[in-house]
Amino acid sequence: MNSINRRTFLSHGLAGIGSLAFSRLCAGDSPLAIPHYRPKIKRVIHLCMAGGPSHLESFDYKPELAKLDGKAMPESFTKGQQLAQLQGKALRCMGPQWKFSKHGQSQMEISEIFPHIAKHADDIAVIRSMHTEQINHDPAHTFMNTGSIIPGRPSMGSWVLYGLGSESQNLPGYVVLTSAGGGQGQPISSRQWSSGLLPGHLQGVEFQSAGDPVHYVKNPKGITKASQKDVINAINRLNGIQSTRAEHHDIATRIEQYELAFRMQSAVPELMDTKGESQQTLDLYGCKPGDGSFASNCLLARRLAERGTRFIQLYHRGWDHHGQVKSGTKATAKHVDQGTSALLTDLKQRGMLDETLVIWGGEFGRTPMAQGSGRDHHIKAFSVFLAGGGIKGGTVYGKTDDLGYGVVENPVSVHDLHATMLHLLGLQHEALTFKAQGLDFKLTGVEPCKVIKGILA
């Protein structure tokens, strides 16, 4: 049954099949229902380092840049190139601010500000040849999340839900958590997890990182669960009547949201109840659950993954180091290093890492040239790492030039990263489309892109 016929059937038959059954069908409203081919993973956890972490202080060591510290940046690198705040200014090299050392059997070079992540050198694949199209934070986040510079396009989490649906009936299939600390925290707009052109029930749901994760999750005094369910059923019946008169996707979304919110009243308190977590696990993350920290969000991400949430994004705002890049990168790394490591360890110990893709990285990198004591935005080269199912650990893919300015080997675009993520989920990126406004939209856009086979096991 094609999607048009299915929606027609649902809209005309809603009053007869009941709102609960309808909401179950809505939760799996995708063009595929099953993957294109056998998937390597079930879910994605995207650790978003918002602000643009410096690849030169993290995963891409440049000894030649160290030799040129304080000297004029060779014009051959920058002539005619787009810069952010350094445009038209005298450019001087800034050497790496932290020592790098080799780790694991792979002898992967990692900065000393990431001692915990370094323990996973043989589990991660570092891509040193990422590049992007947008030089300012908000459009760069938009491009990383949606594959487009145009606001209003679906986020990658929504695309994944559209393709595969959610494994959880009682929690959202796409959850977002945020934290901050260590540096300037750029604001993150909620449209970064919007469903855009896709049905509204596929959008990300932001949980609060401290206190109750969802506002008003508990009933007020005098309202019982049974009476609330009666109200929801009555509202959904009215919505169902309306949907028989006109096909309107917002009505289906509204019904699903009422039902999901009702189910979440039981599921969310259970999700947040960490009494069953061992002290060893809590010590591993080094956090107090619910304290609003990145580490606490990492623990919550593992618990969401266990309960079937398909796509989880953790934003940490604090990587925008236009000044004090040395002290700033160390401070921000301290906020995320142990939590990231703990998440990888915890997933691995529970047998979940092989069915999860973890992506760590920001929206762009930082310049090899100094901006006072900091570094400016940089789109020509930056680093991310991946770990989990289908990923060849201990891999370094791609290469930048001697100063870390541009990519010289195996360039990787944002669309390439998206295509690889979908591939691991069992989805063919060219076939995952949605027709709107007379066009077939897709996450990976219209330009040619590729699956990054060099990092796959």
Protein backbone atom coordinates (compact mmCIF):
# COMPACT_ATOMS: atom_id res chain seq x y z
CA MET A 1 0.00 0.00 0.00
CA ASN A 2 1.54 3.32 -0.96
CA SER A 3 1.73 6.19 1.52
CA ILE A 4 -1.16 8.15 -0.07
CA ASN A 5 -3.52 5.20 0.06
CA ARG A 6 -2.48 4.40 3.61
CA ARG A 7 -3.10 7.96 4.82
CA THR A 8 -6.46 7.99 3.03
CA PHE A 9 -7.40 4.73 4.72
CA LEU A 10 -6.35 6.01 8.13
CA SER A 11 -8.14 9.33 7.80
CA HIS A 12 -11.44 7.76 6.71
CA GLY A 13 -11.24 4.80 9.06
CA LEU A 14 -10.02 6.56 12.19
CA ALA A 15 -13.35 6.76 13.98
CA GLY A 16 -13.75 3.00 13.66
CA ILE A 17 -10.28 1.76 14.60
CA GLY A 18 -9.86 3.89 17.72
CA SER A 19 -7.33 6.52 18.62
CA LEU A 20 -4.87 4.22 20.38
CA ALA A 21 -4.49 1.91 17.41
CA PHE A 22 -4.16 4.92 15.15
CA SER A 23 -1.39 6.41 17.27
CA ARG A 24 0.54 3.15 17.05
CA LEU A 25 0.36 3.31 13.28
CA CYS A 26 1.41 6.97 13.31
CA ALA A 27 4.52 6.10 15.32
CA GLY A 28 5.70 3.95 12.43
CA ASP A 29 4.68 6.33 9.65
CA SER A 30 7.62 5.76 7.33
CA PRO A 31 8.09 4.92 3.66
CA LEU A 32 9.97 1.75 4.49
CA ALA A 33 8.85 0.12 7.76
CA ILE A 34 11.90 -2.11 7.28
CA PRO A 35 15.45 -1.10 6.25
CA HIS A 36 16.69 -1.31 2.67
CA TYR A 37 19.22 -3.92 3.77
CA ARG A 38 20.50 -5.55 6.93
CA PRO A 39 21.48 -2.78 9.37
CA LYS A 40 24.64 -2.73 11.46
CA ILE A 41 23.09 -0.60 14.21
CA LYS A 42 19.73 0.13 15.82
CA ARG A 43 20.26 3.67 17.06
CA VAL A 44 22.42 6.80 16.96
CA ILE A 45 23.81 8.89 19.82
CA HIS A 46 25.13 12.20 18.51
CA LEU A 47 27.41 14.05 20.94
CA CYS A 48 27.26 17.60 19.56
CA MET A 49 30.21 19.74 20.61
CA ALA A 50 28.55 23.08 19.92
CA GLY A 51 30.80 26.03 19.15
CA GLY A 52 33.46 24.41 16.99
CA PRO A 53 36.12 22.38 18.87
CA SER A 54 39.67 23.03 17.68
CA HIS A 55 40.97 20.02 15.78
CA LEU A 56 44.46 21.37 16.47
CA GLU A 57 43.99 20.88 20.22
CA SER A 58 42.15 17.57 20.01
CA PHE A 59 42.68 14.98 17.26
CA ASP A 60 44.92 16.46 14.55
CA TYR A 61 48.46 17.14 15.75
CA LYS A 62 50.54 19.51 13.60
CA PRO A 63 54.25 19.70 14.57
CA GLU A 64 54.98 21.96 11.56
CA LEU A 65 52.45 24.46 12.88
CA ALA A 66 54.31 24.41 16.20
CA LYS A 67 57.52 25.37 14.41
CA LEU A 68 55.78 28.40 12.85
CA ASP A 69 54.20 29.58 16.11
CA GLY A 70 54.05 33.40 16.12
CA LYS A 71 55.23 33.72 12.53
CA ALA A 72 53.24 35.03 9.57
CA MET A 73 50.80 32.53 8.08
CA PRO A 74 51.98 31.68 4.53
CA GLU A 75 49.73 33.61 2.13
CA SER A 76 49.54 30.60 -0.16
CA PHE A 77 47.17 28.94 2.33
CA THR A 78 44.74 31.79 2.85
CA LYS A 79 44.73 33.96 -0.28
CA GLY A 80 41.17 34.31 -1.58
CA GLN A 81 39.79 32.10 1.23
CA GLN A 82 36.71 32.83 3.33
CA LEU A 83 37.52 33.68 6.94
CA ALA A 84 35.19 34.74 9.74
CA GLN A 85 36.43 37.48 12.07
CA LEU A 86 40.03 37.37 10.77
CA GLN A 87 39.12 38.53 7.26
CA GLY A 88 41.49 41.30 6.15
CA LYS A 89 43.71 41.10 9.23
CA ALA A 90 47.38 40.19 9.62
CA LEU A 91 47.51 36.42 10.06
CA ARG A 92 49.97 34.71 12.38
CA CYS A 93 50.35 31.03 13.12
CA MET A 94 49.45 29.62 16.51
CA GLY A 95 51.01 26.27 17.35
CA PRO A 96 49.12 23.45 19.09
CA GLN A 97 48.53 24.49 22.69
CA TRP A 98 48.62 21.00 24.18
CA LYS A 99 50.84 17.96 23.86
CA PHE A 100 49.71 14.92 21.90
CA SER A 101 50.67 11.33 22.59
CA LYS A 102 50.01 7.96 20.98
CA HIS A 103 47.44 5.57 22.41
CA GLY A 104 46.35 1.97 22.00
CA GLN A 105 47.60 -0.63 19.57
CA SER A 106 46.64 1.76 16.80
CA GLN A 107 49.05 4.41 18.19
CA MET A 108 46.43 7.07 17.54
CA GLU A 109 47.59 10.59 18.40
CA ILE A 110 45.22 12.31 20.83
CA SER A 111 45.60 15.52 22.83
CA GLU A 112 46.42 15.33 26.52
CA ILE A 113 43.19 17.22 27.35
CA PHE A 114 41.25 14.00 26.55
CA PRO A 115 42.82 11.37 28.86
CA HIS A 116 39.57 9.40 29.17
CA ILE A 117 38.65 9.36 25.48
CA ALA A 118 42.24 8.35 24.71
CA LYS A 119 41.57 5.03 26.44
CA HIS A 120 39.21 4.21 23.56
CA ALA A 121 41.72 4.83 20.77
CA ASP A 122 41.22 1.32 19.43
CA ASP A 123 37.42 1.67 19.49
CA ILE A 124 37.05 4.96 17.62
CA ALA A 125 37.55 6.08 14.03
CA VAL A 126 38.78 9.66 13.77
CA ILE A 127 37.97 11.56 10.58
CA ARG A 128 40.51 14.36 10.20
CA SER A 129 39.27 15.52 6.82
CA MET A 130 35.81 16.90 7.55
CA HIS A 131 34.81 20.14 5.84
CA THR A 132 31.60 22.15 5.77
CA GLU A 133 29.93 25.05 3.95
CA GLN A 134 28.87 27.48 6.68
CA ILE A 135 31.25 29.64 8.70
CA ASN A 136 28.85 30.96 11.39
CA HIS A 137 27.41 28.89 14.20
CA ASP A 138 23.67 28.78 13.57
CA PRO A 139 23.80 28.05 9.81
CA ALA A 140 26.64 25.58 10.41
CA HIS A 141 24.51 23.73 12.99
CA THR A 142 21.61 23.83 10.55
CA PHE A 143 23.75 22.32 7.81
CA MET A 144 25.17 19.64 10.13
CA ASN A 145 21.71 18.72 11.39
CA THR A 146 19.64 18.93 8.21
CA GLY A 147 22.08 18.75 5.29
CA SER A 148 20.79 22.11 4.08
CA ILE A 149 21.54 25.76 4.78
CA ILE A 150 17.84 26.54 4.39
CA PRO A 151 15.96 26.64 7.73
CA GLY A 152 12.87 24.45 7.91
CA ARG A 153 14.34 21.25 6.49
CA PRO A 154 14.01 18.02 8.53
CA SER A 155 16.76 17.18 11.00
CA MET A 156 18.71 13.97 10.62
CA GLY A 157 17.01 12.48 13.69
CA SER A 158 13.62 13.08 12.08
CA TRP A 159 14.82 11.48 8.85
CA VAL A 160 15.93 8.40 10.79
CA LEU A 161 12.54 8.13 12.50
CA TYR A 162 10.82 8.62 9.15
CA GLY A 163 12.83 5.76 7.69
CA LEU A 164 12.70 3.30 10.58
CA GLY A 165 10.15 4.44 13.15
CA SER A 166 10.78 4.15 16.88
CA GLU A 167 11.36 1.05 18.98
CA SER A 168 9.84 2.75 22.02
CA GLN A 169 6.09 3.03 22.55
CA ASN A 170 6.33 5.01 25.78
CA LEU A 171 9.14 7.50 25.11
CA PRO A 172 9.89 9.75 22.14
CA GLY A 173 11.89 8.17 19.36
CA TYR A 174 14.10 11.28 19.14
CA VAL A 175 15.30 13.01 22.31
CA VAL A 176 17.58 16.05 22.77
CA LEU A 177 19.45 17.12 25.92
CA THR A 178 21.70 20.14 26.41
CA SER A 179 24.49 21.16 28.80
CA ALA A 180 27.03 23.97 28.96
CA GLY A 181 30.38 24.88 30.45
CA GLY A 182 34.02 25.60 29.77
CA GLY A 183 33.70 28.46 27.32
CA GLN A 184 31.35 30.75 25.46
CA GLY A 185 28.05 28.92 25.06
CA GLN A 186 26.42 29.71 21.74
CA PRO A 187 22.60 29.43 21.82
CA ILE A 188 21.03 26.40 20.16
CA SER A 189 17.69 26.86 18.42
CA SER A 190 14.99 24.20 18.81
CA ARG A 191 14.59 24.19 15.03
CA GLN A 192 17.82 22.16 14.94
CA TRP A 193 15.71 19.12 15.87
CA SER A 194 12.63 20.11 13.88
CA SER A 195 10.83 17.63 11.63
CA GLY A 196 10.60 20.35 8.96
CA LEU A 197 8.66 19.07 5.96
CA LEU A 198 8.12 15.67 7.57
CA PRO A 199 5.12 14.87 9.81
CA GLY A 200 5.29 16.71 13.12
CA HIS A 201 5.40 13.64 15.34
CA LEU A 202 8.89 12.90 13.98
CA GLN A 203 10.48 16.00 15.54
CA GLY A 204 12.95 15.79 18.40
CA VAL A 205 11.69 16.25 21.95
CA GLU A 206 13.91 18.31 24.23
CA PHE A 207 14.23 16.97 27.78
CA GLN A 208 15.35 19.26 30.59
CA SER A 209 18.79 18.27 31.86
CA ALA A 210 18.08 19.21 35.48
CA GLY A 211 14.94 18.70 37.54
CA ASP A 212 11.91 17.12 35.88
CA PRO A 213 12.98 16.28 32.29
CA VAL A 214 9.46 17.08 31.06
CA HIS A 215 7.36 19.89 32.50
CA TYR A 216 3.94 18.96 33.94
CA VAL A 217 4.65 15.23 33.63
CA LYS A 218 2.70 14.66 36.86
CA ASN A 219 -1.05 15.13 37.22
CA PRO A 220 -2.26 17.91 39.52
CA LYS A 221 -4.19 16.98 42.64
CA GLY A 222 -7.69 15.69 41.96
CA ILE A 223 -6.85 14.34 38.49
CA THR A 224 -6.61 10.56 38.30
CA LYS A 225 -4.99 8.60 35.51
CA ALA A 226 -8.37 7.14 34.53
CA SER A 227 -10.09 10.52 34.31
CA GLN A 228 -7.22 11.94 32.30
CA LYS A 229 -7.44 9.01 29.88
CA ASP A 230 -11.15 9.69 29.42
CA VAL A 231 -10.37 13.29 28.47
CA ILE A 232 -7.66 12.22 26.00
CA ASN A 233 -9.97 9.66 24.40
CA ALA A 234 -12.69 12.30 24.01
CA ILE A 235 -10.25 14.79 22.46
CA ASN A 236 -8.90 12.16 20.11
CA ARG A 237 -12.40 11.17 19.02
CA LEU A 238 -13.09 14.80 18.13
CA ASN A 239 -9.79 14.99 16.26
CA GLY A 240 -10.72 11.76 14.49
CA ILE A 241 -14.03 13.22 13.35
CA GLN A 242 -12.20 16.25 11.99
CA SER A 243 -9.71 14.04 10.11
CA THR A 244 -12.57 12.27 8.27
CA ARG A 245 -13.62 15.61 6.81
CA ALA A 246 -10.21 16.74 5.58
CA GLU A 247 -6.83 15.06 5.24
CA HIS A 248 -4.58 17.00 7.58
CA HIS A 249 -1.26 15.68 8.89
CA ASP A 250 -1.39 17.99 11.91
CA ILE A 251 -4.40 16.10 13.23
CA ALA A 252 -2.53 12.79 13.14
CA THR A 253 0.40 14.44 14.90
CA ARG A 254 -1.89 15.90 17.56
CA ILE A 255 -3.45 12.52 18.31
CA GLU A 256 -0.06 10.84 18.59
CA GLN A 257 1.26 13.59 20.87
CA TYR A 258 -1.68 13.27 23.27
CA GLU A 259 -1.22 9.51 23.44
CA LEU A 260 2.55 9.68 23.81
CA ALA A 261 2.31 12.33 26.53
CA PHE A 262 -0.08 10.08 28.46
CA ARG A 263 2.27 7.10 28.20
CA MET A 264 5.27 9.26 29.16
CA GLN A 265 3.69 10.05 32.54
CA SER A 266 4.67 6.54 33.59
CA ALA A 267 7.76 6.08 31.44
CA VAL A 268 9.61 9.32 32.26
CA PRO A 269 9.71 8.88 36.07
CA GLU A 270 10.96 5.32 35.53
CA LEU A 271 13.60 6.61 33.10
CA MET A 272 14.87 9.10 35.67
CA ASP A 273 14.87 6.67 38.60
CA THR A 274 18.55 5.70 38.79
CA LYS A 275 18.28 3.76 42.05
CA GLY A 276 19.01 0.60 40.10
CA GLU A 277 22.31 1.96 38.82
CA SER A 278 25.33 0.59 40.67
CA GLN A 279 27.74 2.89 42.45
CA GLN A 280 30.39 1.60 40.08
CA THR A 281 28.38 2.91 37.13
CA LEU A 282 27.77 6.29 38.77
CA ASP A 283 31.48 6.57 39.57
CA LEU A 284 32.28 5.71 35.96
CA TYR A 285 30.32 8.74 34.74
CA GLY A 286 31.49 10.89 37.65
CA CYS A 287 28.20 12.69 38.01
CA LYS A 288 25.15 13.05 40.16
CA PRO A 289 22.19 11.95 38.02
CA GLY A 290 20.01 14.90 37.04
CA ASP A 291 22.63 17.54 37.87
CA GLY A 292 22.41 19.04 34.37
CA SER A 293 25.95 18.04 33.40
CA PHE A 294 27.05 16.49 30.12
CA ALA A 295 28.08 13.35 32.03
CA SER A 296 24.62 13.05 33.56
CA ASN A 297 23.12 13.44 30.09
CA CYS A 298 25.41 10.65 28.84
CA LEU A 299 24.03 8.33 31.52
CA LEU A 300 20.51 9.33 30.54
CA ALA A 301 21.39 8.67 26.89
CA ARG A 302 22.32 5.10 27.74
CA ARG A 303 19.06 4.64 29.62
CA LEU A 304 17.09 6.09 26.69
CA ALA A 305 18.92 3.76 24.32
CA GLU A 306 17.99 0.77 26.50
CA ARG A 307 14.35 1.81 26.28
CA GLY A 308 14.23 1.98 22.50
CA THR A 309 14.83 5.66 21.69
CA ARG A 310 16.14 5.65 18.13
CA PHE A 311 18.03 8.96 17.95
CA ILE A 312 19.60 10.83 20.86
CA GLN A 313 21.43 14.16 20.66
CA LEU A 314 23.47 15.64 23.49
CA TYR A 315 24.52 19.25 22.91
CA HIS A 316 27.36 20.67 24.99
CA ARG A 317 27.65 24.42 24.52
CA GLY A 318 31.12 25.72 25.36
CA TRP A 319 33.55 25.22 22.47
CA ASP A 320 33.63 28.74 20.97
CA HIS A 321 37.16 29.79 21.90
CA HIS A 322 37.91 33.05 20.11
CA GLY A 323 40.15 33.85 23.08
CA GLN A 324 42.08 31.82 25.65
CA VAL A 325 42.04 28.72 23.49
CA LYS A 326 44.59 26.93 25.69
CA SER A 327 42.78 27.22 29.00
CA GLY A 328 39.38 27.14 27.30
CA THR A 329 39.82 23.87 25.46
CA LYS A 330 41.10 22.20 28.61
CA ALA A 331 38.17 23.51 30.65
CA THR A 332 35.56 22.42 28.12
CA ALA A 333 37.23 19.06 27.55
CA LYS A 334 37.00 18.42 31.28
CA HIS A 335 33.22 18.80 31.04
CA VAL A 336 32.84 16.16 28.29
CA ASP A 337 35.85 13.82 28.42
CA GLN A 338 34.83 11.50 31.25
CA GLY A 339 31.16 11.39 30.23
CA THR A 340 32.00 10.48 26.64
CA SER A 341 34.41 7.77 27.78
CA ALA A 342 31.92 6.43 30.33
CA LEU A 343 29.18 6.20 27.70
CA LEU A 344 31.42 4.19 25.37
CA THR A 345 32.53 1.91 28.22
CA ASP A 346 29.01 1.43 29.57
CA LEU A 347 27.55 0.63 26.15
CA LYS A 348 30.37 -1.83 25.49
CA GLN A 349 29.97 -3.59 28.85
CA ARG A 350 26.25 -4.02 28.25
CA GLY A 351 26.70 -5.37 24.71
CA MET A 352 25.05 -2.27 23.25
CA LEU A 353 27.97 -0.55 21.52
CA ASP A 354 27.83 -2.98 18.60
CA GLU A 355 24.25 -1.89 17.89
CA THR A 356 24.81 1.84 18.47
CA LEU A 357 26.57 4.52 16.42
CA VAL A 358 28.19 7.24 18.55
CA ILE A 359 29.19 10.42 16.69
CA TRP A 360 31.35 13.05 18.47
CA GLY A 361 32.09 16.43 16.91
CA GLY A 362 31.15 20.04 16.28
CA GLU A 363 29.83 22.14 13.42
CA PHE A 364 33.28 23.26 12.18
CA GLY A 365 36.89 23.61 13.37
CA ARG A 366 39.23 26.46 14.31
CA THR A 367 41.90 28.34 12.34
CA PRO A 368 45.63 27.58 12.54
CA MET A 369 45.97 31.36 12.75
CA ALA A 370 45.73 33.16 16.06
CA GLN A 371 42.87 35.44 16.99
CA GLY A 372 44.58 37.08 19.93
CA SER A 373 44.87 34.19 22.37
CA GLY A 374 42.19 32.18 20.56
CA ARG A 375 41.23 30.77 17.17
CA ASP A 376 38.56 31.86 14.68
CA HIS A 377 35.91 29.70 12.98
CA HIS A 378 37.23 27.39 10.26
CA ILE A 379 35.28 25.42 7.62
CA LYS A 380 38.10 24.01 5.48
CA ALA A 381 39.07 21.24 7.89
CA PHE A 382 38.01 19.76 11.22
CA SER A 383 37.85 16.43 13.05
CA VAL A 384 35.07 14.18 14.31
CA PHE A 385 35.13 10.63 15.60
CA LEU A 386 32.72 7.70 15.36
CA ALA A 387 32.43 4.51 17.39
CA GLY A 388 30.12 1.53 17.56
CA GLY A 389 28.51 -0.99 15.24
CA GLY A 390 30.10 -1.30 11.82
CA ILE A 391 32.94 1.13 12.66
CA LYS A 392 36.57 0.05 12.30
CA GLY A 393 38.16 1.14 15.57
CA GLY A 394 41.70 2.44 15.72
CA THR A 395 41.28 4.13 12.33
CA VAL A 396 42.45 7.59 11.30
CA TYR A 397 40.80 8.62 8.05
CA GLY A 398 41.73 11.57 5.88
CA LYS A 399 44.54 14.07 6.22
CA THR A 400 44.99 17.82 6.45
CA ASP A 401 47.99 19.83 5.26
CA ASP A 402 51.00 20.47 7.50
CA LEU A 403 49.32 23.44 9.17
CA GLY A 404 45.84 21.92 9.56
CA TYR A 405 44.30 24.49 7.24
CA GLY A 406 42.86 22.40 4.41
CA VAL A 407 42.14 18.78 3.52
CA VAL A 408 44.72 17.06 1.31
CA GLU A 409 43.55 13.45 1.47
CA ASN A 410 40.13 11.75 1.51
CA PRO A 411 37.87 14.78 2.03
CA VAL A 412 34.63 14.07 3.92
CA SER A 413 31.58 16.30 3.56
CA VAL A 414 28.68 16.63 5.95
CA HIS A 415 26.56 14.75 3.40
CA ASP A 416 29.13 11.94 3.36
CA LEU A 417 28.76 11.68 7.13
CA HIS A 418 24.97 11.55 6.81
CA ALA A 419 25.14 8.91 4.07
CA THR A 420 27.41 6.75 6.26
CA MET A 421 25.10 7.05 9.26
CA LEU A 422 22.09 6.02 7.16
CA HIS A 423 24.08 3.16 5.61
CA LEU A 424 24.85 1.74 9.07
CA LEU A 425 21.14 1.96 9.92
CA GLY A 426 20.36 -0.07 6.80
CA LEU A 427 19.05 2.89 4.82
CA GLN A 428 20.13 3.83 1.29
CA HIS A 429 20.50 7.60 1.41
CA GLU A 430 19.38 8.18 -2.18
CA ALA A 431 16.17 6.22 -1.60
CA LEU A 432 15.16 7.91 1.64
CA THR A 433 13.04 10.70 0.17
CA PHE A 434 9.92 12.70 1.01
CA LYS A 435 7.83 14.48 -1.60
CA ALA A 436 6.81 18.03 -0.71
CA GLN A 437 6.22 21.18 -2.73
CA GLY A 438 6.56 19.09 -5.89
CA LEU A 439 10.10 17.95 -5.03
CA ASP A 440 11.68 14.80 -3.61
CA PHE A 441 13.63 15.95 -0.57
CA LYS A 442 16.37 13.91 1.12
CA LEU A 443 18.86 14.38 3.94
CA THR A 444 21.90 14.15 1.66
CA GLY A 445 20.73 16.79 -0.82
CA VAL A 446 21.34 16.79 -4.56
CA GLU A 447 25.14 16.97 -4.74
CA PRO A 448 27.02 13.66 -5.12
CA CYS A 449 28.09 12.12 -1.83
CA LYS A 450 29.44 8.79 -0.64
CA VAL A 451 29.50 6.30 2.22
CA ILE A 452 32.87 6.58 3.99
CA LYS A 453 33.97 2.97 3.44
CA GLY A 454 37.43 3.56 4.87
CA ILE A 455 36.06 3.72 8.44
CA LEU A 456 33.76 0.70 8.14
CA ALA A 457 34.61 -2.67 9.62
